[in-house]
Amino acid sequence: VGSVLSSYGWYMLLAVVAVYLLVQKVSRSLAARPSGRPGAAEAAEEPDVVVRRQEALAAARLRMQEELNAQAERYKEKQRQLEEERRRQKIAMWESMQEGKSYKGNLKLNQQEAESGASASAVPKSKPNKKPLRGGGYNPLSGEGGGTCSWRPGRRGPSAGG
């Protein structure tokens, strides 16, 4: 007994402490439960509370479905209007072609009218004439006209170290 205790004494002491802590933790978790069986909390609720909660959930789902349906209806109406506008433009282009006029010019005119009607308050900005940063003959791959920086790759082959 003495030789076993002297060889494995510390290991046995640590094992006893670990078992003690484990028993304490399990007893605390069992004491924290309100009752012995796990489903007692759900059964203790009042039936009218459960019914009210389910009704509220169903009402919320119904509201969300109605909002979704309204959004879908607005989207369909918008698509219908866009399709009608495209149809009108095609009819106008066809009529202008029958008269012998340029339909592309008429289309651009219609688009400009639509843009001016949509953005009447917006003032178009004119871009100032800027000169380009580099000349027209600049090519970064040619190595010419790039300034003073002229890097070349090193020689290929084995390194000069020994």
C-alpha atoms as a PDB file:
ATOM      1  CA  VAL A   1       0.000   0.000   0.000  1.00  0.00           C
ATOM      2  CA  GLY A   2       2.800   2.386   0.842  1.00  0.00           C
ATOM      3  CA  SER A   3       4.589   1.922  -2.484  1.00  0.00           C
ATOM      4  CA  VAL A   4       1.355   2.431  -4.502  1.00  0.00           C
ATOM      5  CA  LEU A   5       0.546   5.538  -2.476  1.00  0.00           C
ATOM      6  CA  SER A   6       4.029   6.940  -2.924  1.00  0.00           C
ATOM      7  CA  SER A   7       3.986   6.250  -6.692  1.00  0.00           C
ATOM      8  CA  TYR A   8       0.442   7.347  -7.542  1.00  0.00           C
ATOM      9  CA  GLY A   9      -0.540   9.540  -4.583  1.00  0.00           C
ATOM     10  CA  TRP A  10      -0.803  12.836  -6.447  1.00  0.00           C
ATOM     11  CA  TYR A  11      -2.794  11.271  -9.285  1.00  0.00           C
ATOM     12  CA  MET A  12      -5.248   9.733  -6.818  1.00  0.00           C
ATOM     13  CA  LEU A  13      -5.638  13.060  -5.001  1.00  0.00           C
ATOM     14  CA  LEU A  14      -6.393  14.906  -8.262  1.00  0.00           C
ATOM     15  CA  ALA A  15      -8.915  12.212  -9.262  1.00  0.00           C
ATOM     16  CA  VAL A  16     -10.740  12.532  -5.922  1.00  0.00           C
ATOM     17  CA  VAL A  17     -10.922  16.336  -6.261  1.00  0.00           C
ATOM     18  CA  ALA A  18     -12.263  16.055  -9.838  1.00  0.00           C
ATOM     19  CA  VAL A  19     -14.969  13.576  -8.769  1.00  0.00           C
ATOM     20  CA  TYR A  20     -15.964  15.858  -5.867  1.00  0.00           C
ATOM     21  CA  LEU A  21     -16.309  18.899  -8.169  1.00  0.00           C
ATOM     22  CA  LEU A  22     -18.324  16.886 -10.686  1.00  0.00           C
ATOM     23  CA  VAL A  23     -20.755  15.698  -7.988  1.00  0.00           C
ATOM     24  CA  GLN A  24     -21.200  19.296  -6.761  1.00  0.00           C
ATOM     25  CA  LYS A  25     -21.986  20.569 -10.252  1.00  0.00           C
ATOM     26  CA  VAL A  26     -24.541  17.823 -10.951  1.00  0.00           C
ATOM     27  CA  SER A  27     -26.295  18.424  -7.626  1.00  0.00           C
ATOM     28  CA  ARG A  28     -26.566  22.182  -8.356  1.00  0.00           C
ATOM     29  CA  SER A  29     -28.071  21.579 -11.800  1.00  0.00           C
ATOM     30  CA  LEU A  30     -30.630  19.156 -10.340  1.00  0.00           C
ATOM     31  CA  ALA A  31     -31.569  21.653  -7.620  1.00  0.00           C
ATOM     32  CA  ALA A  32     -31.993  24.468 -10.180  1.00  0.00           C
ATOM     33  CA  ARG A  33     -34.790  22.637 -12.017  1.00  0.00           C
ATOM     34  CA  PRO A  34     -38.280  23.787 -11.006  1.00  0.00           C
ATOM     35  CA  SER A  35     -39.713  20.298 -10.964  1.00  0.00           C
ATOM     36  CA  GLY A  36     -38.605  16.714 -11.448  1.00  0.00           C
ATOM     37  CA  ARG A  37     -39.883  16.139 -14.985  1.00  0.00           C
ATOM     38  CA  PRO A  38     -38.658  18.253 -17.947  1.00  0.00           C
ATOM     39  CA  GLY A  39     -42.057  18.952 -19.616  1.00  0.00           C
ATOM     40  CA  ALA A  40     -43.739  20.396 -16.525  1.00  0.00           C
ATOM     41  CA  ALA A  41     -43.061  24.028 -17.497  1.00  0.00           C
ATOM     42  CA  GLU A  42     -44.954  23.769 -20.787  1.00  0.00           C
ATOM     43  CA  ALA A  43     -47.897  21.951 -19.197  1.00  0.00           C
ATOM     44  CA  ALA A  44     -48.187  24.554 -16.420  1.00  0.00           C
ATOM     45  CA  GLU A  45     -49.057  27.355 -18.903  1.00  0.00           C
ATOM     46  CA  GLU A  46     -52.637  28.473 -19.080  1.00  0.00           C
ATOM     47  CA  PRO A  47     -54.501  27.265 -22.188  1.00  0.00           C
ATOM     48  CA  ASP A  48     -55.915  30.733 -22.916  1.00  0.00           C
ATOM     49  CA  VAL A  49     -52.355  32.183 -22.944  1.00  0.00           C
ATOM     50  CA  VAL A  50     -51.322  29.576 -25.496  1.00  0.00           C
ATOM     51  CA  VAL A  51     -54.409  30.311 -27.626  1.00  0.00           C
ATOM     52  CA  ARG A  52     -53.770  34.080 -27.501  1.00  0.00           C
ATOM     53  CA  ARG A  53     -50.148  33.586 -28.485  1.00  0.00           C
ATOM     54  CA  GLN A  54     -51.115  31.410 -31.444  1.00  0.00           C
ATOM     55  CA  GLU A  55     -53.753  33.923 -32.558  1.00  0.00           C
ATOM     56  CA  ALA A  56     -51.231  36.760 -32.383  1.00  0.00           C
ATOM     57  CA  LEU A  57     -48.780  34.690 -34.411  1.00  0.00           C
ATOM     58  CA  ALA A  58     -51.439  33.952 -37.030  1.00  0.00           C
ATOM     59  CA  ALA A  59     -52.399  37.655 -37.215  1.00  0.00           C
ATOM     60  CA  ALA A  60     -48.767  38.676 -37.687  1.00  0.00           C
ATOM     61  CA  ARG A  61     -48.361  36.117 -40.469  1.00  0.00           C
ATOM     62  CA  LEU A  62     -51.516  37.395 -42.141  1.00  0.00           C
ATOM     63  CA  ARG A  63     -50.262  41.008 -42.001  1.00  0.00           C
ATOM     64  CA  MET A  64     -46.922  40.017 -43.496  1.00  0.00           C
ATOM     65  CA  GLN A  65     -48.664  38.075 -46.274  1.00  0.00           C
ATOM     66  CA  GLU A  66     -50.888  41.069 -47.072  1.00  0.00           C
ATOM     67  CA  GLU A  67     -47.841  43.355 -47.272  1.00  0.00           C
ATOM     68  CA  LEU A  68     -46.142  40.892 -49.588  1.00  0.00           C
ATOM     69  CA  ASN A  69     -49.227  40.702 -51.804  1.00  0.00           C
ATOM     70  CA  ALA A  70     -49.415  44.518 -51.961  1.00  0.00           C
ATOM     71  CA  GLN A  71     -45.753  44.736 -52.964  1.00  0.00           C
ATOM     72  CA  ALA A  72     -46.286  42.122 -55.670  1.00  0.00           C
ATOM     73  CA  GLU A  73     -49.300  44.049 -56.986  1.00  0.00           C
ATOM     74  CA  ARG A  74     -47.292  47.304 -57.135  1.00  0.00           C
ATOM     75  CA  TYR A  75     -44.488  45.500 -58.981  1.00  0.00           C
ATOM     76  CA  LYS A  76     -46.923  44.027 -61.512  1.00  0.00           C
ATOM     77  CA  GLU A  77     -48.479  47.444 -62.106  1.00  0.00           C
ATOM     78  CA  LYS A  78     -45.048  48.998 -62.645  1.00  0.00           C
ATOM     79  CA  GLN A  79     -44.099  46.254 -65.101  1.00  0.00           C
ATOM     80  CA  ARG A  80     -47.402  46.754 -66.920  1.00  0.00           C
ATOM     81  CA  GLN A  81     -46.702  50.491 -67.253  1.00  0.00           C
ATOM     82  CA  LEU A  82     -43.182  49.863 -68.548  1.00  0.00           C
ATOM     83  CA  GLU A  83     -44.496  47.373 -71.092  1.00  0.00           C
ATOM     84  CA  GLU A  84     -47.117  49.884 -72.230  1.00  0.00           C
ATOM     85  CA  GLU A  85     -44.426  52.566 -72.649  1.00  0.00           C
ATOM     86  CA  ARG A  86     -42.264  50.192 -74.702  1.00  0.00           C
ATOM     87  CA  ARG A  87     -45.263  49.338 -76.874  1.00  0.00           C
ATOM     88  CA  ARG A  88     -45.956  53.042 -77.479  1.00  0.00           C
ATOM     89  CA  GLN A  89     -42.330  53.626 -78.461  1.00  0.00           C
ATOM     90  CA  LYS A  90     -42.422  50.728 -80.914  1.00  0.00           C
ATOM     91  CA  ILE A  91     -45.633  52.055 -82.453  1.00  0.00           C
ATOM     92  CA  ALA A  92     -44.097  55.536 -82.766  1.00  0.00           C
ATOM     93  CA  MET A  93     -40.964  54.093 -84.398  1.00  0.00           C
ATOM     94  CA  TRP A  94     -43.077  52.056 -86.819  1.00  0.00           C
ATOM     95  CA  GLU A  95     -45.164  55.086 -87.785  1.00  0.00           C
ATOM     96  CA  SER A  96     -42.080  57.232 -88.339  1.00  0.00           C
ATOM     97  CA  MET A  97     -40.540  54.488 -90.499  1.00  0.00           C
ATOM     98  CA  GLN A  98     -43.735  54.333 -92.581  1.00  0.00           C
ATOM     99  CA  GLU A  99     -43.526  58.092 -93.118  1.00  0.00           C
ATOM    100  CA  GLY A 100     -39.907  57.734 -94.215  1.00  0.00           C
ATOM    101  CA  LYS A 101     -38.406  59.547 -91.276  1.00  0.00           C
ATOM    102  CA  SER A 102     -35.485  58.368 -89.232  1.00  0.00           C
ATOM    103  CA  TYR A 103     -36.885  56.430 -86.319  1.00  0.00           C
ATOM    104  CA  LYS A 104     -33.655  56.606 -84.314  1.00  0.00           C
ATOM    105  CA  GLY A 105     -33.702  60.374 -84.236  1.00  0.00           C
ATOM    106  CA  ASN A 106     -37.321  60.271 -83.128  1.00  0.00           C
ATOM    107  CA  LEU A 107     -36.433  57.780 -80.413  1.00  0.00           C
ATOM    108  CA  LYS A 108     -33.651  60.028 -79.098  1.00  0.00           C
ATOM    109  CA  LEU A 109     -36.052  62.972 -79.104  1.00  0.00           C
ATOM    110  CA  ASN A 110     -38.632  60.967 -77.119  1.00  0.00           C
ATOM    111  CA  GLN A 111     -35.993  59.889 -74.607  1.00  0.00           C
ATOM    112  CA  GLN A 112     -34.819  63.466 -74.137  1.00  0.00           C
ATOM    113  CA  GLU A 113     -38.391  64.598 -73.536  1.00  0.00           C
ATOM    114  CA  ALA A 114     -38.884  61.821 -70.979  1.00  0.00           C
ATOM    115  CA  GLU A 115     -35.633  62.715 -69.213  1.00  0.00           C
ATOM    116  CA  SER A 116     -36.443  66.430 -69.163  1.00  0.00           C
ATOM    117  CA  GLY A 117     -39.893  65.667 -67.802  1.00  0.00           C
ATOM    118  CA  ALA A 118     -38.497  63.347 -65.133  1.00  0.00           C
ATOM    119  CA  SER A 119     -35.674  65.654 -64.058  1.00  0.00           C
ATOM    120  CA  ALA A 120     -37.021  69.138 -64.670  1.00  0.00           C
ATOM    121  CA  SER A 121     -35.241  70.528 -61.619  1.00  0.00           C
ATOM    122  CA  ALA A 122     -31.887  68.920 -62.469  1.00  0.00           C
ATOM    123  CA  VAL A 123     -29.524  71.148 -64.409  1.00  0.00           C
ATOM    124  CA  PRO A 124     -27.212  69.269 -66.787  1.00  0.00           C
ATOM    125  CA  LYS A 125     -23.557  69.981 -66.038  1.00  0.00           C
ATOM    126  CA  SER A 126     -21.224  70.669 -68.916  1.00  0.00           C
ATOM    127  CA  LYS A 127     -17.838  69.046 -68.660  1.00  0.00           C
ATOM    128  CA  PRO A 128     -14.904  71.428 -69.116  1.00  0.00           C
ATOM    129  CA  ASN A 129     -12.490  70.603 -71.888  1.00  0.00           C
ATOM    130  CA  LYS A 130      -9.515  68.950 -70.241  1.00  0.00           C
ATOM    131  CA  LYS A 131      -6.273  68.132 -71.953  1.00  0.00           C
ATOM    132  CA  PRO A 132      -5.104  64.517 -71.645  1.00  0.00           C
ATOM    133  CA  LEU A 133      -2.504  63.660 -69.016  1.00  0.00           C
ATOM    134  CA  ARG A 134      -0.172  61.962 -71.512  1.00  0.00           C
ATOM    135  CA  GLY A 135       0.473  62.407 -75.168  1.00  0.00           C
ATOM    136  CA  GLY A 136      -1.213  60.238 -77.733  1.00  0.00           C
ATOM    137  CA  GLY A 137       1.964  58.294 -78.464  1.00  0.00           C
ATOM    138  CA  TYR A 138       2.415  56.981 -74.930  1.00  0.00           C
ATOM    139  CA  ASN A 139       2.703  53.219 -74.681  1.00  0.00           C
ATOM    140  CA  PRO A 140       3.808  51.759 -71.342  1.00  0.00           C
ATOM    141  CA  LEU A 141       4.981  48.515 -72.955  1.00  0.00           C
ATOM    142  CA  SER A 142       7.346  50.106 -75.404  1.00  0.00           C
ATOM    143  CA  GLY A 143       9.614  51.669 -72.791  1.00  0.00           C
ATOM    144  CA  GLU A 144       9.620  55.014 -74.576  1.00  0.00           C
ATOM    145  CA  GLY A 145       8.207  58.221 -73.240  1.00  0.00           C
ATOM    146  CA  GLY A 146       7.773  56.842 -69.775  1.00  0.00           C
ATOM    147  CA  GLY A 147      10.118  59.259 -68.025  1.00  0.00           C
ATOM    148  CA  THR A 148      13.389  58.405 -66.320  1.00  0.00           C
ATOM    149  CA  CYS A 149      12.326  55.088 -64.852  1.00  0.00           C
ATOM    150  CA  SER A 150      13.649  52.240 -66.970  1.00  0.00           C
ATOM    151  CA  TRP A 151      13.671  48.964 -65.056  1.00  0.00           C
ATOM    152  CA  ARG A 152      14.956  45.826 -66.684  1.00  0.00           C
ATOM    153  CA  PRO A 153      14.756  42.336 -65.259  1.00  0.00           C
ATOM    154  CA  GLY A 154      17.932  40.670 -64.037  1.00  0.00           C
ATOM    155  CA  ARG A 155      19.781  37.891 -65.833  1.00  0.00           C
ATOM    156  CA  ARG A 156      18.299  34.461 -65.682  1.00  0.00           C
ATOM    157  CA  GLY A 157      20.371  31.591 -64.536  1.00  0.00           C
ATOM    158  CA  PRO A 158      21.958  30.237 -61.398  1.00  0.00           C
ATOM    159  CA  SER A 159      22.687  32.637 -58.612  1.00  0.00           C
ATOM    160  CA  ALA A 160      26.235  33.859 -58.132  1.00  0.00           C
ATOM    161  CA  GLY A 161      26.465  32.512 -54.607  1.00  0.00           C
ATOM    162  CA  GLY A 162      28.675  29.515 -53.938  1.00  0.00           C
END
